[in-house]
Amino acid sequence: MTARGIERGRIVRDKVDRDRWVENLETVVKERGWRVFAFALMSNHFHVFFQTPDPNLCAGMRDLNGGYATYFNGRHGRNGHLFEGRYKAVVVEHEGHWIELSRYVHLNPVRARLVPGPEDWAWSSYSGYHRKTDRVDWVDYETLLTECGGDTKAGRRRHREYVQEGVARPPKSAFREAAFGLILGSDGFVARMANLMEGRGEAREVPQWRQLQRRVPLEAVIERTAEAFDNDRSSWAAGSRSDDIGRAVAADLACRLCHATKRQIADALGYRSQGSLHHARARVAMALESTSPRRKAARLERQLTNDY
């Protein structure tokens, strides 16, 4: 789960604010019974990876963001919203994805070049994985360490090595990889969660669940993307070596907007494998640093979601 400052503005200004945000998180976690596995507070946003044994996500986030915003506005003499819209949440499959997501969260300060290593950032949960003396009683360290062999000296070392690998090779964004922008896991898990939650009242706990009501056809994504980027979609046939940015954008949009598996999307766009599809999406992240393609892709996404 993540939330950003309005217009990407700062949500903390100094150590006092940072410490207060962590205190607020601790209070909400204990009151709501959440199981926190990882968190990282940045200057203009934060990430928290946790389980909610009870359906109280909305209420807890109201306490966390609302309570902190009241404090921040009072201390700094400001008015109005502090956070940009509602929080963004992703549902994550346990098998093979929890430790990957925790690494992504813990490496946020490193990617932002605030510190050389995650153990150097005081406002995240990583130091408790790195040093047992830094642990707090409201973070569950044992669950993730189980995937590294347990909460032992060897297990903690393997966990540190795994996180360190991500410093040299930054892990992919969980939000970009998530199907529909909200489910991270295998194709089977995505299908089960989509079928389970679609149309149910519990969907209100996660703001993006309304996207499951939208079934953007895969063919519409491909056709409109080819047109928007002035590409010949016939060159996207199976076995082709097309480097069209439109093809990569279509792959990214399809993974996030369509009710289709990655295998189906890869086949429709002529990619040889799901790995090729992943590399295409990585190209999009780099290509969209340019203003013109970024605006074109954003406009196309808005049109598709509005029309369907």
Protein backbone atom coordinates (compact mmCIF):
# COMPACT_ATOMS: atom_id res chain seq x y z
CA MET A 1 0.00 0.00 0.00
CA THR A 2 1.26 3.48 -0.80
CA ALA A 3 0.13 7.09 -0.50
CA ARG A 4 1.70 10.22 -1.95
CA GLY A 5 1.72 13.87 -1.00
CA ILE A 6 -0.62 16.09 -2.98
CA GLU A 7 1.04 17.27 -6.21
CA ARG A 8 3.99 15.12 -5.10
CA GLY A 9 4.65 17.54 -2.26
CA ARG A 10 6.51 16.63 0.92
CA ILE A 11 4.64 14.84 3.69
CA VAL A 12 7.55 15.19 6.14
CA ARG A 13 9.93 18.09 6.59
CA ASP A 14 12.29 16.96 9.32
CA LYS A 15 13.13 14.22 11.80
CA VAL A 16 10.28 15.25 14.10
CA ASP A 17 7.75 14.65 11.32
CA ARG A 18 9.33 11.34 10.35
CA ASP A 19 9.32 10.06 13.90
CA ARG A 20 5.71 11.16 14.35
CA TRP A 21 4.62 9.32 11.19
CA VAL A 22 6.26 6.10 12.43
CA GLU A 23 4.56 6.55 15.80
CA ASN A 24 1.21 6.98 14.06
CA LEU A 25 1.80 3.83 12.04
CA GLU A 26 2.62 1.87 15.19
CA THR A 27 -0.56 3.09 16.88
CA VAL A 28 -2.78 2.13 13.95
CA VAL A 29 -1.10 -1.25 13.52
CA LYS A 30 -1.65 -2.17 17.15
CA GLU A 31 -5.22 -0.83 17.31
CA ARG A 32 -6.30 -2.51 14.06
CA GLY A 33 -4.39 -5.75 14.51
CA TRP A 34 -2.43 -5.45 11.25
CA ARG A 35 0.59 -7.66 10.53
CA VAL A 36 3.32 -5.42 9.11
CA PHE A 37 6.13 -7.05 7.13
CA ALA A 38 7.85 -3.97 5.68
CA PHE A 39 7.53 -0.19 5.53
CA ALA A 40 9.53 2.75 4.25
CA LEU A 41 8.82 6.44 4.74
CA MET A 42 10.15 8.78 2.06
CA SER A 43 9.90 12.55 1.68
CA ASN A 44 6.73 12.68 -0.39
CA HIS A 45 5.26 9.18 -0.07
CA PHE A 46 5.37 5.98 1.93
CA HIS A 47 5.02 2.23 1.40
CA VAL A 48 3.61 -0.26 3.89
CA PHE A 49 3.39 -4.02 3.23
CA PHE A 50 0.98 -5.69 5.63
CA GLN A 51 -1.94 -8.07 6.19
CA THR A 52 -5.33 -7.09 7.57
CA PRO A 53 -6.80 -10.09 9.45
CA ASP A 54 -10.05 -8.09 9.76
CA PRO A 55 -11.70 -6.05 6.94
CA ASN A 56 -10.59 -2.71 8.37
CA LEU A 57 -8.23 -1.34 5.72
CA CYS A 58 -10.30 1.76 4.97
CA ALA A 59 -10.82 2.62 8.62
CA GLY A 60 -7.16 2.06 9.44
CA MET A 61 -5.95 4.17 6.54
CA ARG A 62 -8.34 6.92 7.56
CA ASP A 63 -6.73 6.86 10.99
CA LEU A 64 -3.19 6.75 9.59
CA ASN A 65 -3.43 9.41 6.89
CA GLY A 66 -6.10 11.55 8.51
CA GLY A 67 -4.47 11.60 11.91
CA TYR A 68 -1.05 12.40 10.52
CA ALA A 69 -2.40 15.12 8.19
CA THR A 70 -4.09 16.84 11.14
CA TYR A 71 -0.80 16.79 13.05
CA PHE A 72 1.25 17.98 10.04
CA ASN A 73 -1.10 20.85 9.16
CA GLY A 74 -1.21 22.00 12.77
CA ARG A 75 2.54 21.92 13.23
CA HIS A 76 3.34 23.66 9.95
CA GLY A 77 0.43 26.11 9.84
CA ARG A 78 -1.11 24.83 6.63
CA ASN A 79 -4.62 23.92 5.50
CA GLY A 80 -6.08 21.50 3.00
CA HIS A 81 -5.32 17.98 1.90
CA LEU A 82 -1.87 16.55 2.54
CA PHE A 83 -2.22 13.33 0.54
CA GLU A 84 -3.06 13.02 -3.14
CA GLY A 85 -6.41 11.23 -3.37
CA ARG A 86 -6.84 7.88 -1.68
CA TYR A 87 -4.12 5.39 -0.95
CA LYS A 88 -3.17 2.79 -3.57
CA ALA A 89 -3.23 -0.85 -2.54
CA VAL A 90 -2.02 -4.03 -4.23
CA VAL A 91 -3.12 -7.54 -3.25
CA VAL A 92 -0.10 -9.86 -3.27
CA GLU A 93 0.20 -13.62 -3.62
CA HIS A 94 2.33 -15.13 -0.85
CA GLU A 95 4.21 -17.74 -2.87
CA GLY A 96 7.42 -16.13 -4.14
CA HIS A 97 6.14 -12.56 -4.08
CA TRP A 98 6.19 -11.41 -0.47
CA ILE A 99 9.94 -11.32 -0.08
CA GLU A 100 10.27 -9.70 -3.50
CA LEU A 101 7.82 -6.96 -2.53
CA SER A 102 9.54 -6.37 0.82
CA ARG A 103 12.86 -5.88 -0.99
CA TYR A 104 11.24 -3.34 -3.32
CA VAL A 105 9.89 -1.43 -0.31
CA HIS A 106 13.18 -1.48 1.62
CA LEU A 107 15.21 -0.30 -1.38
CA ASN A 108 13.16 2.87 -1.86
CA PRO A 109 15.69 5.10 -0.02
CA VAL A 110 18.54 3.57 -2.04
CA ARG A 111 16.78 4.14 -5.37
CA ALA A 112 16.19 7.75 -4.29
CA ARG A 113 19.94 8.04 -3.54
CA LEU A 114 19.30 9.11 0.02
CA VAL A 115 21.55 6.42 1.49
CA PRO A 116 24.08 3.90 0.12
CA GLY A 117 22.34 0.93 1.70
CA PRO A 118 18.87 0.22 3.15
CA GLU A 119 20.35 -0.40 6.60
CA ASP A 120 21.34 3.29 6.69
CA TRP A 121 17.75 4.59 6.48
CA ALA A 122 16.25 5.09 9.94
CA TRP A 123 12.61 5.29 8.84
CA SER A 124 12.01 1.84 7.43
CA SER A 125 11.69 -1.66 8.83
CA TYR A 126 14.85 -2.97 7.18
CA SER A 127 17.22 -2.36 10.08
CA GLY A 128 15.25 -4.91 12.13
CA TYR A 129 16.01 -7.53 9.50
CA HIS A 130 19.64 -6.40 9.43
CA ARG A 131 20.17 -6.14 13.19
CA LYS A 132 18.00 -7.87 15.80
CA THR A 133 18.73 -5.06 18.28
CA ASP A 134 16.80 -2.65 16.02
CA ARG A 135 13.58 -4.63 16.04
CA VAL A 136 10.21 -3.29 17.17
CA ASP A 137 7.40 -5.44 18.52
CA TRP A 138 4.83 -4.41 15.88
CA VAL A 139 6.72 -5.66 12.79
CA ASP A 140 6.59 -9.35 11.83
CA TYR A 141 10.15 -10.22 10.78
CA GLU A 142 9.90 -13.98 11.09
CA THR A 143 7.44 -14.58 8.23
CA LEU A 144 9.70 -13.22 5.50
CA LEU A 145 12.85 -14.65 7.03
CA THR A 146 11.24 -18.09 6.75
CA GLU A 147 11.74 -17.81 2.99
CA CYS A 148 15.48 -17.40 3.63
CA GLY A 149 15.83 -20.31 6.00
CA GLY A 150 14.40 -18.84 9.17
CA ASP A 151 15.23 -16.22 11.79
CA THR A 152 18.75 -17.53 12.28
CA LYS A 153 22.16 -16.05 11.65
CA ALA A 154 22.34 -17.88 8.31
CA GLY A 155 18.78 -16.91 7.37
CA ARG A 156 19.38 -13.23 8.13
CA ARG A 157 22.60 -13.34 6.09
CA ARG A 158 20.79 -14.81 3.10
CA HIS A 159 18.12 -12.15 3.43
CA ARG A 160 20.76 -9.39 3.47
CA GLU A 161 22.40 -10.90 0.39
CA TYR A 162 19.06 -11.04 -1.43
CA VAL A 163 18.34 -7.38 -0.66
CA GLN A 164 21.88 -6.39 -1.61
CA GLU A 165 21.41 -7.99 -5.04
CA GLY A 166 18.62 -5.49 -5.58
CA VAL A 167 21.02 -2.58 -5.04
CA ALA A 168 23.04 -3.64 -8.08
CA ARG A 169 19.98 -4.74 -10.07
CA PRO A 170 16.96 -2.69 -8.92
CA PRO A 171 13.81 -4.82 -8.67
CA LYS A 172 10.77 -4.10 -10.80
CA SER A 173 7.98 -1.94 -9.46
CA ALA A 174 5.24 -3.96 -7.80
CA PHE A 175 2.64 -1.46 -8.95
CA ARG A 176 3.70 -1.58 -12.59
CA GLU A 177 3.83 -5.37 -12.57
CA ALA A 178 0.46 -5.80 -10.84
CA ALA A 179 -2.44 -6.92 -13.03
CA PHE A 180 -5.05 -4.14 -13.31
CA GLY A 181 -2.67 -2.17 -11.11
CA LEU A 182 -3.84 -4.06 -8.03
CA ILE A 183 -3.13 -7.83 -8.07
CA LEU A 184 0.43 -9.15 -7.97
CA GLY A 185 0.95 -12.86 -8.48
CA SER A 186 0.63 -15.76 -10.86
CA ASP A 187 -2.00 -15.84 -13.60
CA GLY A 188 -4.01 -18.31 -11.53
CA PHE A 189 -3.92 -16.07 -8.46
CA VAL A 190 -4.93 -13.02 -10.50
CA ALA A 191 -7.89 -14.89 -12.00
CA ARG A 192 -9.01 -16.22 -8.60
CA MET A 193 -8.82 -12.83 -6.92
CA ALA A 194 -10.58 -11.05 -9.79
CA ASN A 195 -13.42 -13.57 -9.73
CA LEU A 196 -13.60 -13.55 -5.95
CA MET A 197 -13.75 -9.81 -5.47
CA GLU A 198 -15.58 -8.54 -8.53
CA GLY A 199 -18.88 -7.01 -7.57
CA ARG A 200 -18.54 -7.77 -3.85
CA GLY A 201 -18.93 -5.25 -1.07
CA GLU A 202 -15.47 -6.00 0.31
CA ALA A 203 -14.08 -4.38 -2.84
CA ARG A 204 -14.65 -1.02 -1.24
CA GLU A 205 -11.72 -1.75 1.08
CA VAL A 206 -9.33 -1.31 -1.89
CA PRO A 207 -10.02 1.81 -4.01
CA GLN A 208 -8.81 0.33 -7.30
CA TRP A 209 -11.15 -2.68 -7.16
CA ARG A 210 -13.64 -0.73 -9.24
CA GLN A 211 -11.25 -1.33 -12.14
CA LEU A 212 -12.37 -4.95 -12.08
CA GLN A 213 -15.74 -3.74 -13.32
CA ARG A 214 -13.96 -2.61 -16.50
CA ARG A 215 -13.12 -5.24 -19.02
CA VAL A 216 -11.03 -3.43 -21.59
CA PRO A 217 -10.84 -5.80 -24.58
CA LEU A 218 -7.33 -6.88 -25.50
CA GLU A 219 -8.05 -6.23 -29.16
CA ALA A 220 -9.09 -2.65 -28.36
CA VAL A 221 -5.82 -2.00 -26.53
CA ILE A 222 -3.77 -3.34 -29.43
CA GLU A 223 -5.72 -1.54 -32.14
CA ARG A 224 -5.83 1.83 -30.43
CA THR A 225 -2.19 1.73 -29.35
CA ALA A 226 -1.03 0.96 -32.88
CA GLU A 227 -3.11 3.88 -34.15
CA ALA A 228 -1.95 6.29 -31.43
CA PHE A 229 1.73 5.53 -32.06
CA ASP A 230 1.30 5.32 -35.84
CA ASN A 231 2.59 1.75 -35.96
CA ASP A 232 1.75 -1.03 -38.41
CA ARG A 233 0.33 -3.71 -36.15
CA SER A 234 0.93 -6.36 -38.80
CA SER A 235 4.62 -6.03 -37.93
CA TRP A 236 3.77 -7.27 -34.43
CA ALA A 237 3.04 -10.79 -35.68
CA ALA A 238 4.54 -13.82 -33.99
CA GLY A 239 8.25 -14.16 -34.67
CA SER A 240 8.70 -10.53 -35.65
CA ARG A 241 11.52 -8.44 -34.20
CA SER A 242 9.61 -5.17 -34.16
CA ASP A 243 11.04 -2.57 -31.80
CA ASP A 244 8.03 -0.28 -32.10
CA ILE A 245 7.50 1.59 -28.83
CA GLY A 246 3.78 1.25 -29.50
CA ARG A 247 4.05 -2.52 -29.25
CA ALA A 248 5.73 -2.24 -25.85
CA VAL A 249 3.15 0.31 -24.66
CA ALA A 250 0.37 -2.03 -25.80
CA ALA A 251 1.98 -4.82 -23.75
CA ASP A 252 2.12 -2.63 -20.65
CA LEU A 253 -1.45 -1.35 -21.01
CA ALA A 254 -2.81 -4.83 -21.70
CA CYS A 255 -1.16 -6.25 -18.57
CA ARG A 256 -2.72 -3.52 -16.46
CA LEU A 257 -6.14 -3.07 -18.07
CA CYS A 258 -7.23 -6.34 -19.69
CA HIS A 259 -8.68 -9.47 -18.15
CA ALA A 260 -6.15 -11.65 -19.94
CA THR A 261 -3.21 -13.74 -18.83
CA LYS A 262 0.34 -12.71 -19.64
CA ARG A 263 0.55 -15.74 -21.94
CA GLN A 264 -2.51 -14.54 -23.87
CA ILE A 265 -1.11 -11.02 -24.12
CA ALA A 266 2.29 -12.27 -25.28
CA ASP A 267 0.62 -14.38 -27.99
CA ALA A 268 -1.61 -11.53 -29.15
CA LEU A 269 1.37 -9.18 -29.54
CA GLY A 270 3.69 -11.74 -31.08
CA TYR A 271 6.10 -12.06 -28.16
CA ARG A 272 7.83 -15.42 -27.86
CA SER A 273 7.46 -15.73 -24.11
CA GLN A 274 6.27 -14.04 -20.95
CA GLY A 275 9.89 -13.08 -20.35
CA SER A 276 9.90 -11.15 -23.62
CA LEU A 277 6.72 -9.43 -22.47
CA HIS A 278 8.45 -8.41 -19.24
CA HIS A 279 11.42 -6.94 -21.14
CA ALA A 280 9.02 -4.99 -23.35
CA ARG A 281 7.39 -3.45 -20.31
CA ALA A 282 10.80 -2.53 -18.92
CA ARG A 283 11.44 -0.67 -22.20
CA VAL A 284 8.29 1.34 -21.61
CA ALA A 285 9.53 2.63 -18.27
CA MET A 286 12.67 4.01 -19.95
CA ALA A 287 10.95 5.26 -23.12
CA LEU A 288 8.29 7.17 -21.21
CA GLU A 289 10.91 9.37 -19.60
CA SER A 290 10.48 11.38 -22.79
CA THR A 291 7.61 13.86 -22.50
CA SER A 292 5.84 13.19 -25.80
CA PRO A 293 5.50 9.37 -25.50
CA ARG A 294 4.56 9.71 -21.83
CA ARG A 295 1.70 12.10 -22.60
CA LYS A 296 0.53 9.98 -25.50
CA ALA A 297 0.48 6.80 -23.40
CA ALA A 298 -1.29 8.54 -20.50
CA ARG A 299 -3.93 9.99 -22.82
CA LEU A 300 -4.49 6.59 -24.40
CA GLU A 301 -4.91 4.92 -21.00
CA ARG A 302 -7.47 7.52 -19.94
CA GLN A 303 -9.45 7.02 -23.14
CA LEU A 304 -9.48 3.24 -22.79
CA THR A 305 -10.57 3.25 -19.15
CA ASN A 306 -13.25 5.88 -19.81
CA ASP A 307 -14.65 4.01 -22.81
CA TYR A 308 -14.82 0.66 -21.06
